[in-house]
Amino acid sequence: WAMTPRPYGSRVEEAQAGARQGDPRR
């Protein structure tokens, strides 16, 4: 966590979906 904060839980799917849809801000 200290070195690389990363998403987990429901936000993982949202982040992955945003990346797949070409929406980096999402």
mmCIF file of all heavy atoms, coordinates in Angstrom:
data_MODEL
# 
_entry.id   MODEL 
# 
loop_
_atom_site.group_PDB 
_atom_site.id 
_atom_site.type_symbol 
_atom_site.label_atom_id 
_atom_site.label_alt_id 
_atom_site.label_comp_id 
_atom_site.label_asym_id 
_atom_site.label_entity_id 
_atom_site.label_seq_id 
_atom_site.pdbx_PDB_ins_code 
_atom_site.Cartn_x 
_atom_site.Cartn_y 
_atom_site.Cartn_z 
_atom_site.occupancy 
_atom_site.B_iso_or_equiv 
_atom_site.pdbx_formal_charge 
_atom_site.auth_seq_id 
_atom_site.auth_comp_id 
_atom_site.auth_asym_id 
_atom_site.auth_atom_id 
_atom_site.pdbx_PDB_model_num 
ATOM 1   N N   . TRP A 1 1  ? 0.845   -1.193 0.000   1.00 0.00 ? 1  TRP A N   1 
ATOM 2   C CA  . TRP A 1 1  ? 0.000   0.000  0.000   1.00 0.00 ? 1  TRP A CA  1 
ATOM 3   C C   . TRP A 1 1  ? 0.878   1.240  0.000   1.00 0.00 ? 1  TRP A C   1 
ATOM 4   O O   . TRP A 1 1  ? 0.620   2.201  -0.692  1.00 0.00 ? 1  TRP A O   1 
ATOM 5   C CB  . TRP A 1 1  ? -0.876  0.041  1.238   1.00 0.00 ? 1  TRP A CB  1 
ATOM 6   C CG  . TRP A 1 1  ? -2.004  -0.904 1.259   1.00 0.00 ? 1  TRP A CG  1 
ATOM 7   C CD1 . TRP A 1 1  ? -2.172  -2.036 0.515   1.00 0.00 ? 1  TRP A CD1 1 
ATOM 8   C CD2 . TRP A 1 1  ? -3.144  -0.799 2.070   1.00 0.00 ? 1  TRP A CD2 1 
ATOM 9   N NE1 . TRP A 1 1  ? -3.348  -2.640 0.828   1.00 0.00 ? 1  TRP A NE1 1 
ATOM 10  C CE2 . TRP A 1 1  ? -3.961  -1.905 1.793   1.00 0.00 ? 1  TRP A CE2 1 
ATOM 11  C CE3 . TRP A 1 1  ? -3.557  0.125  3.031   1.00 0.00 ? 1  TRP A CE3 1 
ATOM 12  C CZ2 . TRP A 1 1  ? -5.172  -2.115 2.432   1.00 0.00 ? 1  TRP A CZ2 1 
ATOM 13  C CZ3 . TRP A 1 1  ? -4.750  -0.083 3.668   1.00 0.00 ? 1  TRP A CZ3 1 
ATOM 14  C CH2 . TRP A 1 1  ? -5.556  -1.193 3.363   1.00 0.00 ? 1  TRP A CH2 1 
ATOM 15  N N   . ALA A 1 2  ? 1.895   1.208  0.842   1.00 0.00 ? 2  ALA A N   1 
ATOM 16  C CA  . ALA A 1 2  ? 2.726   2.389  1.000   1.00 0.00 ? 2  ALA A CA  1 
ATOM 17  C C   . ALA A 1 2  ? 3.449   2.736  -0.289  1.00 0.00 ? 2  ALA A C   1 
ATOM 18  O O   . ALA A 1 2  ? 3.638   3.902  -0.609  1.00 0.00 ? 2  ALA A O   1 
ATOM 19  C CB  . ALA A 1 2  ? 3.735   2.168  2.125   1.00 0.00 ? 2  ALA A CB  1 
ATOM 20  N N   . MET A 1 3  ? 3.859   1.731  -1.029  1.00 0.00 ? 3  MET A N   1 
ATOM 21  C CA  . MET A 1 3  ? 4.614   1.985  -2.245  1.00 0.00 ? 3  MET A CA  1 
ATOM 22  C C   . MET A 1 3  ? 3.712   2.258  -3.446  1.00 0.00 ? 3  MET A C   1 
ATOM 23  O O   . MET A 1 3  ? 4.004   3.106  -4.274  1.00 0.00 ? 3  MET A O   1 
ATOM 24  C CB  . MET A 1 3  ? 5.524   0.786  -2.545  1.00 0.00 ? 3  MET A CB  1 
ATOM 25  C CG  . MET A 1 3  ? 6.572   0.563  -1.454  1.00 0.00 ? 3  MET A CG  1 
ATOM 26  S SD  . MET A 1 3  ? 7.518   2.060  -1.064  1.00 0.00 ? 3  MET A SD  1 
ATOM 27  C CE  . MET A 1 3  ? 8.307   2.357  -2.627  1.00 0.00 ? 3  MET A CE  1 
ATOM 28  N N   . THR A 1 4  ? 2.628   1.526  -3.561  1.00 0.00 ? 4  THR A N   1 
ATOM 29  C CA  . THR A 1 4  ? 1.761   1.669  -4.728  1.00 0.00 ? 4  THR A CA  1 
ATOM 30  C C   . THR A 1 4  ? 0.304   1.564  -4.334  1.00 0.00 ? 4  THR A C   1 
ATOM 31  O O   . THR A 1 4  ? -0.267  0.471  -4.348  1.00 0.00 ? 4  THR A O   1 
ATOM 32  C CB  . THR A 1 4  ? 2.080   0.592  -5.790  1.00 0.00 ? 4  THR A CB  1 
ATOM 33  O OG1 . THR A 1 4  ? 3.484   0.560  -6.031  1.00 0.00 ? 4  THR A OG1 1 
ATOM 34  C CG2 . THR A 1 4  ? 1.353   0.886  -7.097  1.00 0.00 ? 4  THR A CG2 1 
ATOM 35  N N   . PRO A 1 5  ? -0.343  2.661  -3.938  1.00 0.00 ? 5  PRO A N   1 
ATOM 36  C CA  . PRO A 1 5  ? -1.776  2.607  -3.671  1.00 0.00 ? 5  PRO A CA  1 
ATOM 37  C C   . PRO A 1 5  ? -2.504  2.091  -4.906  1.00 0.00 ? 5  PRO A C   1 
ATOM 38  O O   . PRO A 1 5  ? -2.233  2.522  -6.013  1.00 0.00 ? 5  PRO A O   1 
ATOM 39  C CB  . PRO A 1 5  ? -2.133  4.071  -3.379  1.00 0.00 ? 5  PRO A CB  1 
ATOM 40  C CG  . PRO A 1 5  ? -0.838  4.704  -2.991  1.00 0.00 ? 5  PRO A CG  1 
ATOM 41  C CD  . PRO A 1 5  ? 0.217   3.990  -3.780  1.00 0.00 ? 5  PRO A CD  1 
ATOM 42  N N   . ARG A 1 6  ? -3.394  1.150  -4.729  1.00 0.00 ? 6  ARG A N   1 
ATOM 43  C CA  . ARG A 1 6  ? -4.090  0.611  -5.883  1.00 0.00 ? 6  ARG A CA  1 
ATOM 44  C C   . ARG A 1 6  ? -5.528  0.311  -5.513  1.00 0.00 ? 6  ARG A C   1 
ATOM 45  O O   . ARG A 1 6  ? -5.837  0.080  -4.346  1.00 0.00 ? 6  ARG A O   1 
ATOM 46  C CB  . ARG A 1 6  ? -3.394  -0.649 -6.395  1.00 0.00 ? 6  ARG A CB  1 
ATOM 47  C CG  . ARG A 1 6  ? -3.265  -1.760 -5.353  1.00 0.00 ? 6  ARG A CG  1 
ATOM 48  C CD  . ARG A 1 6  ? -2.461  -2.915 -5.946  1.00 0.00 ? 6  ARG A CD  1 
ATOM 49  N NE  . ARG A 1 6  ? -2.416  -4.045 -5.044  1.00 0.00 ? 6  ARG A NE  1 
ATOM 50  C CZ  . ARG A 1 6  ? -1.558  -4.157 -4.038  1.00 0.00 ? 6  ARG A CZ  1 
ATOM 51  N NH1 . ARG A 1 6  ? -0.686  -3.195 -3.823  1.00 0.00 ? 6  ARG A NH1 1 
ATOM 52  N NH2 . ARG A 1 6  ? -1.555  -5.214 -3.260  1.00 0.00 ? 6  ARG A NH2 1 
ATOM 53  N N   . PRO A 1 7  ? -6.414  0.258  -6.496  1.00 0.00 ? 7  PRO A N   1 
ATOM 54  C CA  . PRO A 1 7  ? -7.827  0.060  -6.202  1.00 0.00 ? 7  PRO A CA  1 
ATOM 55  C C   . PRO A 1 7  ? -8.140  -1.365 -5.802  1.00 0.00 ? 7  PRO A C   1 
ATOM 56  O O   . PRO A 1 7  ? -7.385  -2.288 -6.073  1.00 0.00 ? 7  PRO A O   1 
ATOM 57  C CB  . PRO A 1 7  ? -8.499  0.406  -7.532  1.00 0.00 ? 7  PRO A CB  1 
ATOM 58  C CG  . PRO A 1 7  ? -7.473  0.059  -8.548  1.00 0.00 ? 7  PRO A CG  1 
ATOM 59  C CD  . PRO A 1 7  ? -6.155  0.406  -7.920  1.00 0.00 ? 7  PRO A CD  1 
ATOM 60  N N   . TYR A 1 8  ? -9.255  -1.526 -5.145  1.00 0.00 ? 8  TYR A N   1 
ATOM 61  C CA  . TYR A 1 8  ? -9.741  -2.846 -4.807  1.00 0.00 ? 8  TYR A CA  1 
ATOM 62  C C   . TYR A 1 8  ? -11.256 -2.795 -4.765  1.00 0.00 ? 8  TYR A C   1 
ATOM 63  O O   . TYR A 1 8  ? -11.860 -1.735 -4.816  1.00 0.00 ? 8  TYR A O   1 
ATOM 64  C CB  . TYR A 1 8  ? -9.197  -3.334 -3.459  1.00 0.00 ? 8  TYR A CB  1 
ATOM 65  C CG  . TYR A 1 8  ? -9.607  -2.499 -2.282  1.00 0.00 ? 8  TYR A CG  1 
ATOM 66  C CD1 . TYR A 1 8  ? -10.746 -2.804 -1.558  1.00 0.00 ? 8  TYR A CD1 1 
ATOM 67  C CD2 . TYR A 1 8  ? -8.868  -1.377 -1.899  1.00 0.00 ? 8  TYR A CD2 1 
ATOM 68  C CE1 . TYR A 1 8  ? -11.143 -2.033 -0.473  1.00 0.00 ? 8  TYR A CE1 1 
ATOM 69  C CE2 . TYR A 1 8  ? -9.254  -0.604 -0.824  1.00 0.00 ? 8  TYR A CE2 1 
ATOM 70  C CZ  . TYR A 1 8  ? -10.388 -0.941 -0.117  1.00 0.00 ? 8  TYR A CZ  1 
ATOM 71  O OH  . TYR A 1 8  ? -10.767 -0.173 0.937   1.00 0.00 ? 8  TYR A OH  1 
ATOM 72  N N   . GLY A 1 9  ? -11.893 -3.928 -4.655  1.00 0.00 ? 9  GLY A N   1 
ATOM 73  C CA  . GLY A 1 9  ? -13.339 -3.974 -4.543  1.00 0.00 ? 9  GLY A CA  1 
ATOM 74  C C   . GLY A 1 9  ? -14.023 -3.477 -5.804  1.00 0.00 ? 9  GLY A C   1 
ATOM 75  O O   . GLY A 1 9  ? -13.534 -3.642 -6.916  1.00 0.00 ? 9  GLY A O   1 
ATOM 76  N N   . SER A 1 10 ? -15.187 -2.845 -5.617  1.00 0.00 ? 10 SER A N   1 
ATOM 77  C CA  . SER A 1 10 ? -16.004 -2.433 -6.750  1.00 0.00 ? 10 SER A CA  1 
ATOM 78  C C   . SER A 1 10 ? -15.294 -1.436 -7.647  1.00 0.00 ? 10 SER A C   1 
ATOM 79  O O   . SER A 1 10 ? -15.539 -1.377 -8.858  1.00 0.00 ? 10 SER A O   1 
ATOM 80  C CB  . SER A 1 10 ? -17.312 -1.825 -6.252  1.00 0.00 ? 10 SER A CB  1 
ATOM 81  O OG  . SER A 1 10 ? -17.054 -0.663 -5.493  1.00 0.00 ? 10 SER A OG  1 
ATOM 82  N N   . ARG A 1 11 ? -14.392 -0.640 -7.099  1.00 0.00 ? 11 ARG A N   1 
ATOM 83  C CA  . ARG A 1 11 ? -13.706 0.365  -7.904  1.00 0.00 ? 11 ARG A CA  1 
ATOM 84  C C   . ARG A 1 11 ? -12.733 -0.274 -8.895  1.00 0.00 ? 11 ARG A C   1 
ATOM 85  O O   . ARG A 1 11 ? -12.344 0.330  -9.880  1.00 0.00 ? 11 ARG A O   1 
ATOM 86  C CB  . ARG A 1 11 ? -12.948 1.342  -7.002  1.00 0.00 ? 11 ARG A CB  1 
ATOM 87  C CG  . ARG A 1 11 ? -13.853 2.208  -6.156  1.00 0.00 ? 11 ARG A CG  1 
ATOM 88  C CD  . ARG A 1 11 ? -14.547 3.256  -6.979  1.00 0.00 ? 11 ARG A CD  1 
ATOM 89  N NE  . ARG A 1 11 ? -15.443 4.046  -6.151  1.00 0.00 ? 11 ARG A NE  1 
ATOM 90  C CZ  . ARG A 1 11 ? -16.290 4.918  -6.624  1.00 0.00 ? 11 ARG A CZ  1 
ATOM 91  N NH1 . ARG A 1 11 ? -16.398 5.111  -7.912  1.00 0.00 ? 11 ARG A NH1 1 
ATOM 92  N NH2 . ARG A 1 11 ? -17.073 5.594  -5.815  1.00 0.00 ? 11 ARG A NH2 1 
ATOM 93  N N   . VAL A 1 12 ? -12.283 -1.487 -8.618  1.00 0.00 ? 12 VAL A N   1 
ATOM 94  C CA  . VAL A 1 12 ? -11.408 -2.171 -9.561  1.00 0.00 ? 12 VAL A CA  1 
ATOM 95  C C   . VAL A 1 12 ? -12.125 -2.324 -10.894 1.00 0.00 ? 12 VAL A C   1 
ATOM 96  O O   . VAL A 1 12 ? -11.583 -2.008 -11.960 1.00 0.00 ? 12 VAL A O   1 
ATOM 97  C CB  . VAL A 1 12 ? -10.986 -3.549 -9.020  1.00 0.00 ? 12 VAL A CB  1 
ATOM 98  C CG1 . VAL A 1 12 ? -10.196 -4.307 -10.088 1.00 0.00 ? 12 VAL A CG1 1 
ATOM 99  C CG2 . VAL A 1 12 ? -10.150 -3.398 -7.762  1.00 0.00 ? 12 VAL A CG2 1 
ATOM 100 N N   . GLU A 1 13 ? -13.362 -2.804 -10.839 1.00 0.00 ? 13 GLU A N   1 
ATOM 101 C CA  . GLU A 1 13 ? -14.126 -2.999 -12.059 1.00 0.00 ? 13 GLU A CA  1 
ATOM 102 C C   . GLU A 1 13 ? -14.363 -1.675 -12.771 1.00 0.00 ? 13 GLU A C   1 
ATOM 103 O O   . GLU A 1 13 ? -14.298 -1.585 -13.997 1.00 0.00 ? 13 GLU A O   1 
ATOM 104 C CB  . GLU A 1 13 ? -15.467 -3.672 -11.743 1.00 0.00 ? 13 GLU A CB  1 
ATOM 105 C CG  . GLU A 1 13 ? -15.358 -5.149 -11.366 1.00 0.00 ? 13 GLU A CG  1 
ATOM 106 C CD  . GLU A 1 13 ? -14.763 -5.359 -9.977  1.00 0.00 ? 13 GLU A CD  1 
ATOM 107 O OE1 . GLU A 1 13 ? -14.900 -4.465 -9.136  1.00 0.00 ? 13 GLU A OE1 1 
ATOM 108 O OE2 . GLU A 1 13 ? -14.159 -6.420 -9.752  1.00 0.00 ? 13 GLU A OE2 1 
ATOM 109 N N   . GLU A 1 14 ? -14.642 -0.618 -12.004 1.00 0.00 ? 14 GLU A N   1 
ATOM 110 C CA  . GLU A 1 14 ? -14.874 0.687  -12.622 1.00 0.00 ? 14 GLU A CA  1 
ATOM 111 C C   . GLU A 1 14 ? -13.616 1.180  -13.326 1.00 0.00 ? 14 GLU A C   1 
ATOM 112 O O   . GLU A 1 14 ? -13.679 1.712  -14.439 1.00 0.00 ? 14 GLU A O   1 
ATOM 113 C CB  . GLU A 1 14 ? -15.316 1.698  -11.575 1.00 0.00 ? 14 GLU A CB  1 
ATOM 114 C CG  . GLU A 1 14 ? -16.728 1.474  -11.056 1.00 0.00 ? 14 GLU A CG  1 
ATOM 115 C CD  . GLU A 1 14 ? -17.197 2.649  -10.212 1.00 0.00 ? 14 GLU A CD  1 
ATOM 116 O OE1 . GLU A 1 14 ? -16.691 3.764  -10.442 1.00 0.00 ? 14 GLU A OE1 1 
ATOM 117 O OE2 . GLU A 1 14 ? -18.063 2.447  -9.352  1.00 0.00 ? 14 GLU A OE2 1 
ATOM 118 N N   . ALA A 1 15 ? -12.471 1.032  -12.664 1.00 0.00 ? 15 ALA A N   1 
ATOM 119 C CA  . ALA A 1 15 ? -11.219 1.486  -13.266 1.00 0.00 ? 15 ALA A CA  1 
ATOM 120 C C   . ALA A 1 15 ? -10.900 0.690  -14.520 1.00 0.00 ? 15 ALA A C   1 
ATOM 121 O O   . ALA A 1 15 ? -10.488 1.247  -15.542 1.00 0.00 ? 15 ALA A O   1 
ATOM 122 C CB  . ALA A 1 15 ? -10.077 1.364  -12.250 1.00 0.00 ? 15 ALA A CB  1 
ATOM 123 N N   . GLN A 1 16 ? -11.081 -0.623 -14.448 1.00 0.00 ? 16 GLN A N   1 
ATOM 124 C CA  . GLN A 1 16 ? -10.814 -1.460 -15.606 1.00 0.00 ? 16 GLN A CA  1 
ATOM 125 C C   . GLN A 1 16 ? -11.767 -1.127 -16.747 1.00 0.00 ? 16 GLN A C   1 
ATOM 126 O O   . GLN A 1 16 ? -11.365 -1.078 -17.913 1.00 0.00 ? 16 GLN A O   1 
ATOM 127 C CB  . GLN A 1 16 ? -10.927 -2.939 -15.212 1.00 0.00 ? 16 GLN A CB  1 
ATOM 128 C CG  . GLN A 1 16 ? -9.818  -3.391 -14.269 1.00 0.00 ? 16 GLN A CG  1 
ATOM 129 C CD  . GLN A 1 16 ? -10.049 -4.794 -13.745 1.00 0.00 ? 16 GLN A CD  1 
ATOM 130 O OE1 . GLN A 1 16 ? -11.157 -5.325 -13.795 1.00 0.00 ? 16 GLN A OE1 1 
ATOM 131 N NE2 . GLN A 1 16 ? -8.986  -5.403 -13.255 1.00 0.00 ? 16 GLN A NE2 1 
ATOM 132 N N   . ALA A 1 17 ? -13.036 -0.895 -16.416 1.00 0.00 ? 17 ALA A N   1 
ATOM 133 C CA  . ALA A 1 17 ? -14.014 -0.545 -17.442 1.00 0.00 ? 17 ALA A CA  1 
ATOM 134 C C   . ALA A 1 17 ? -13.648 0.780  -18.097 1.00 0.00 ? 17 ALA A C   1 
ATOM 135 O O   . ALA A 1 17 ? -13.742 0.941  -19.321 1.00 0.00 ? 17 ALA A O   1 
ATOM 136 C CB  . ALA A 1 17 ? -15.412 -0.468 -16.830 1.00 0.00 ? 17 ALA A CB  1 
ATOM 137 N N   . GLY A 1 18 ? -13.217 1.737  -17.282 1.00 0.00 ? 18 GLY A N   1 
ATOM 138 C CA  . GLY A 1 18 ? -12.819 3.026  -17.832 1.00 0.00 ? 18 GLY A CA  1 
ATOM 139 C C   . GLY A 1 18 ? -11.641 2.891  -18.773 1.00 0.00 ? 18 GLY A C   1 
ATOM 140 O O   . GLY A 1 18 ? -11.589 3.531  -19.831 1.00 0.00 ? 18 GLY A O   1 
ATOM 141 N N   . ALA A 1 19 ? -10.674 2.045  -18.397 1.00 0.00 ? 19 ALA A N   1 
ATOM 142 C CA  . ALA A 1 19 ? -9.512  1.834  -19.252 1.00 0.00 ? 19 ALA A CA  1 
ATOM 143 C C   . ALA A 1 19 ? -9.917  1.179  -20.568 1.00 0.00 ? 19 ALA A C   1 
ATOM 144 O O   . ALA A 1 19 ? -9.452  1.562  -21.651 1.00 0.00 ? 19 ALA A O   1 
ATOM 145 C CB  . ALA A 1 19 ? -8.482  0.977  -18.522 1.00 0.00 ? 19 ALA A CB  1 
ATOM 146 N N   . ARG A 1 20 ? -10.817 0.166  -20.489 1.00 0.00 ? 20 ARG A N   1 
ATOM 147 C CA  . ARG A 1 20 ? -11.258 -0.529 -21.697 1.00 0.00 ? 20 ARG A CA  1 
ATOM 148 C C   . ARG A 1 20 ? -12.005 0.407  -22.635 1.00 0.00 ? 20 ARG A C   1 
ATOM 149 O O   . ARG A 1 20 ? -11.931 0.285  -23.848 1.00 0.00 ? 20 ARG A O   1 
ATOM 150 C CB  . ARG A 1 20 ? -12.156 -1.710 -21.334 1.00 0.00 ? 20 ARG A CB  1 
ATOM 151 C CG  . ARG A 1 20 ? -11.421 -2.908 -20.736 1.00 0.00 ? 20 ARG A CG  1 
ATOM 152 C CD  . ARG A 1 20 ? -12.321 -4.124 -20.746 1.00 0.00 ? 20 ARG A CD  1 
ATOM 153 N NE  . ARG A 1 20 ? -13.524 -3.929 -19.956 1.00 0.00 ? 20 ARG A NE  1 
ATOM 154 C CZ  . ARG A 1 20 ? -13.634 -4.210 -18.657 1.00 0.00 ? 20 ARG A CZ  1 
ATOM 155 N NH1 . ARG A 1 20 ? -12.589 -4.685 -18.005 1.00 0.00 ? 20 ARG A NH1 1 
ATOM 156 N NH2 . ARG A 1 20 ? -14.772 -4.008 -18.010 1.00 0.00 ? 20 ARG A NH2 1 
ATOM 157 N N   . GLN A 1 21 ? -12.741 1.339  -22.070 1.00 0.00 ? 21 GLN A N   1 
ATOM 158 C CA  . GLN A 1 21 ? -13.547 2.246  -22.876 1.00 0.00 ? 21 GLN A CA  1 
ATOM 159 C C   . GLN A 1 21 ? -12.777 3.502  -23.287 1.00 0.00 ? 21 GLN A C   1 
ATOM 160 O O   . GLN A 1 21 ? -13.344 4.437  -23.832 1.00 0.00 ? 21 GLN A O   1 
ATOM 161 C CB  . GLN A 1 21 ? -14.807 2.641  -22.107 1.00 0.00 ? 21 GLN A CB  1 
ATOM 162 C CG  . GLN A 1 21 ? -15.731 1.463  -21.817 1.00 0.00 ? 21 GLN A CG  1 
ATOM 163 C CD  . GLN A 1 21 ? -16.859 1.842  -20.871 1.00 0.00 ? 21 GLN A CD  1 
ATOM 164 O OE1 . GLN A 1 21 ? -17.126 3.012  -20.661 1.00 0.00 ? 21 GLN A OE1 1 
ATOM 165 N NE2 . GLN A 1 21 ? -17.524 0.836  -20.313 1.00 0.00 ? 21 GLN A NE2 1 
ATOM 166 N N   . GLY A 1 22 ? -11.496 3.508  -22.993 1.00 0.00 ? 22 GLY A N   1 
ATOM 167 C CA  . GLY A 1 22 ? -10.687 4.654  -23.384 1.00 0.00 ? 22 GLY A CA  1 
ATOM 168 C C   . GLY A 1 22 ? -11.004 5.906  -22.600 1.00 0.00 ? 22 GLY A C   1 
ATOM 169 O O   . GLY A 1 22 ? -10.908 7.015  -23.135 1.00 0.00 ? 22 GLY A O   1 
ATOM 170 N N   . ASP A 1 23 ? -11.409 5.756  -21.341 1.00 0.00 ? 23 ASP A N   1 
ATOM 171 C CA  . ASP A 1 23 ? -11.758 6.905  -20.499 1.00 0.00 ? 23 ASP A CA  1 
ATOM 172 C C   . ASP A 1 23 ? -10.784 6.959  -19.325 1.00 0.00 ? 23 ASP A C   1 
ATOM 173 O O   . ASP A 1 23 ? -11.093 6.502  -18.224 1.00 0.00 ? 23 ASP A O   1 
ATOM 174 C CB  . ASP A 1 23 ? -13.196 6.756  -19.993 1.00 0.00 ? 23 ASP A CB  1 
ATOM 175 C CG  . ASP A 1 23 ? -13.682 8.006  -19.262 1.00 0.00 ? 23 ASP A CG  1 
ATOM 176 O OD1 . ASP A 1 23 ? -12.853 8.881  -18.965 1.00 0.00 ? 23 ASP A OD1 1 
ATOM 177 O OD2 . ASP A 1 23 ? -14.891 8.079  -18.973 1.00 0.00 ? 23 ASP A OD2 1 
ATOM 178 N N   . PRO A 1 24 ? -9.591  7.518  -19.532 1.00 0.00 ? 24 PRO A N   1 
ATOM 179 C CA  . PRO A 1 24 ? -8.580  7.515  -18.464 1.00 0.00 ? 24 PRO A CA  1 
ATOM 180 C C   . PRO A 1 24 ? -9.001  8.302  -17.241 1.00 0.00 ? 24 PRO A C   1 
ATOM 181 O O   . PRO A 1 24 ? -8.609  7.971  -16.125 1.00 0.00 ? 24 PRO A O   1 
ATOM 182 C CB  . PRO A 1 24 ? -7.347  8.133  -19.143 1.00 0.00 ? 24 PRO A CB  1 
ATOM 183 C CG  . PRO A 1 24 ? -7.888  8.909  -20.296 1.00 0.00 ? 24 PRO A CG  1 
ATOM 184 C CD  . PRO A 1 24 ? -9.094  8.157  -20.766 1.00 0.00 ? 24 PRO A CD  1 
ATOM 185 N N   . ARG A 1 25 ? -9.819  9.367  -17.425 1.00 0.00 ? 25 ARG A N   1 
ATOM 186 C CA  . ARG A 1 25 ? -10.229 10.139 -16.253 1.00 0.00 ? 25 ARG A CA  1 
ATOM 187 C C   . ARG A 1 25 ? -11.126 9.323  -15.342 1.00 0.00 ? 25 ARG A C   1 
ATOM 188 O O   . ARG A 1 25 ? -11.004 9.375  -14.117 1.00 0.00 ? 25 ARG A O   1 
ATOM 189 C CB  . ARG A 1 25 ? -10.976 11.412 -16.684 1.00 0.00 ? 25 ARG A CB  1 
ATOM 190 C CG  . ARG A 1 25 ? -10.083 12.531 -17.130 1.00 0.00 ? 25 ARG A CG  1 
ATOM 191 C CD  . ARG A 1 25 ? -8.998  12.850 -16.138 1.00 0.00 ? 25 ARG A CD  1 
ATOM 192 N NE  . ARG A 1 25 ? -9.502  13.318 -14.859 1.00 0.00 ? 25 ARG A NE  1 
ATOM 193 C CZ  . ARG A 1 25 ? -8.843  13.213 -13.712 1.00 0.00 ? 25 ARG A CZ  1 
ATOM 194 N NH1 . ARG A 1 25 ? -7.659  12.632 -13.658 1.00 0.00 ? 25 ARG A NH1 1 
ATOM 195 N NH2 . ARG A 1 25 ? -9.363  13.675 -12.603 1.00 0.00 ? 25 ARG A NH2 1 
ATOM 196 N N   . ARG A 1 26 ? -12.032 8.553  -15.936 1.00 0.00 ? 26 ARG A N   1 
ATOM 197 C CA  . ARG A 1 26 ? -12.897 7.698  -15.127 1.00 0.00 ? 26 ARG A CA  1 
ATOM 198 C C   . ARG A 1 26 ? -12.068 6.688  -14.342 1.00 0.00 ? 26 ARG A C   1 
ATOM 199 O O   . ARG A 1 26 ? -12.314 6.455  -13.154 1.00 0.00 ? 26 ARG A O   1 
ATOM 200 C CB  . ARG A 1 26 ? -13.893 6.981  -16.031 1.00 0.00 ? 26 ARG A CB  1 
ATOM 201 C CG  . ARG A 1 26 ? -14.799 6.002  -15.282 1.00 0.00 ? 26 ARG A CG  1 
ATOM 202 C CD  . ARG A 1 26 ? -15.732 5.308  -16.249 1.00 0.00 ? 26 ARG A CD  1 
ATOM 203 N NE  . ARG A 1 26 ? -16.427 4.201  -15.603 1.00 0.00 ? 26 ARG A NE  1 
ATOM 204 C CZ  . ARG A 1 26 ? -17.144 3.298  -16.260 1.00 0.00 ? 26 ARG A CZ  1 
ATOM 205 N NH1 . ARG A 1 26 ? -17.263 3.380  -17.569 1.00 0.00 ? 26 ARG A NH1 1 
ATOM 206 N NH2 . ARG A 1 26 ? -17.745 2.325  -15.605 1.00 0.00 ? 26 ARG A NH2 1 
# 
